[in-house]
Amino acid sequence: MNLSTKYTKYIEYTAQQGDTWSSLAYRFYGNCFDYARLIMCNADVAISLLIEEGTKLVIPVFEEDSETSEDEEGLPLWKQA
């Protein structure tokens, strides 16, 4: 996980049959290896192969910090100040 990553919003999600930590990471983040984010924010849920159907989870929404101004957005790195 990028240390500059922060979460300020959450999505409430109810686990469905067959959900796993890695399948939810892939669904919400596009990377099945980002499951640690989910586990950390749902510390009260048992870590097991399958998440019990009906379990209420919070899915953190991550926003990347940007050190560039909006004017520099979209410019190649070598053109940014």
Protein backbone atom coordinates (compact mmCIF):
# COMPACT_ATOMS: atom_id res chain seq x y z
CA MET A 1 0.00 0.00 0.00
CA ASN A 2 1.25 3.46 -0.87
CA LEU A 3 1.99 5.38 2.34
CA SER A 4 0.51 8.53 0.82
CA THR A 5 -2.84 6.80 0.34
CA LYS A 6 -5.69 7.97 2.56
CA TYR A 7 -9.30 6.98 2.94
CA THR A 8 -12.00 9.46 3.72
CA LYS A 9 -15.10 7.62 2.51
CA TYR A 10 -16.57 4.19 2.99
CA ILE A 11 -18.94 1.99 1.06
CA GLU A 12 -21.19 -0.27 3.11
CA TYR A 13 -21.30 -3.77 1.63
CA THR A 14 -23.10 -6.96 2.62
CA ALA A 15 -21.12 -10.09 1.81
CA GLN A 16 -22.64 -12.42 -0.76
CA GLN A 17 -22.25 -16.17 -1.08
CA GLY A 18 -18.73 -16.99 -2.29
CA ASP A 19 -17.13 -13.64 -1.40
CA THR A 20 -13.49 -13.78 -0.35
CA TRP A 21 -11.19 -11.00 0.78
CA SER A 22 -9.25 -11.20 -2.47
CA SER A 23 -12.37 -11.26 -4.67
CA LEU A 24 -13.67 -8.13 -2.95
CA ALA A 25 -10.28 -6.43 -3.31
CA TYR A 26 -10.38 -7.17 -7.01
CA ARG A 27 -13.97 -5.95 -7.33
CA PHE A 28 -13.40 -2.65 -5.53
CA TYR A 29 -9.70 -1.92 -6.22
CA GLY A 30 -8.91 -3.87 -9.37
CA ASN A 31 -6.17 -5.83 -7.59
CA CYS A 32 -6.82 -9.05 -5.69
CA PHE A 33 -3.69 -8.50 -3.59
CA ASP A 34 -5.11 -5.33 -1.97
CA TYR A 35 -7.16 -7.40 0.49
CA ALA A 36 -5.10 -6.16 3.47
CA ARG A 37 -6.89 -2.80 3.21
CA LEU A 38 -10.22 -4.55 3.64
CA ILE A 39 -9.08 -6.73 6.51
CA MET A 40 -7.62 -3.75 8.42
CA CYS A 41 -10.87 -1.81 8.12
CA ASN A 42 -12.99 -4.81 9.14
CA ALA A 43 -10.98 -6.04 12.11
CA ASP A 44 -14.09 -7.48 13.78
CA VAL A 45 -14.67 -9.94 10.90
CA ALA A 46 -12.97 -13.32 11.11
CA ILE A 47 -10.26 -13.95 8.56
CA SER A 48 -11.23 -17.12 6.73
CA LEU A 49 -11.25 -18.48 3.20
CA LEU A 50 -14.86 -17.37 2.62
CA ILE A 51 -16.59 -14.41 4.22
CA GLU A 52 -19.86 -15.49 5.77
CA GLU A 53 -22.84 -14.47 3.65
CA GLY A 54 -24.69 -11.50 5.18
CA THR A 55 -21.63 -10.11 6.97
CA LYS A 56 -21.67 -6.31 6.96
CA LEU A 57 -18.39 -4.83 5.73
CA VAL A 58 -17.02 -1.35 5.23
CA ILE A 59 -15.05 -0.84 2.04
CA PRO A 60 -12.69 2.14 2.32
CA VAL A 61 -12.49 4.44 -0.69
CA PHE A 62 -8.88 5.47 -1.21
CA GLU A 63 -7.70 8.71 -2.73
CA GLU A 64 -4.09 9.20 -3.80
CA ASP A 65 -2.29 12.30 -2.52
CA SER A 66 -1.05 14.49 -5.32
CA GLU A 67 2.00 16.66 -4.97
CA THR A 68 1.37 18.38 -8.30
CA SER A 69 -0.98 21.25 -8.95
CA GLU A 70 -4.11 20.83 -11.06
CA ASP A 71 -2.42 22.86 -13.84
CA GLU A 72 0.29 20.19 -14.09
CA GLU A 73 -2.15 17.30 -14.21
CA GLY A 74 -1.74 15.34 -17.39
CA LEU A 75 1.72 16.73 -18.15
CA PRO A 76 4.68 14.34 -18.50
CA LEU A 77 6.77 14.14 -15.32
CA TRP A 78 9.69 15.99 -16.94
CA LYS A 79 7.44 19.00 -17.63
CA GLN A 80 6.04 19.21 -14.12
CA ALA A 81 7.69 21.69 -11.74
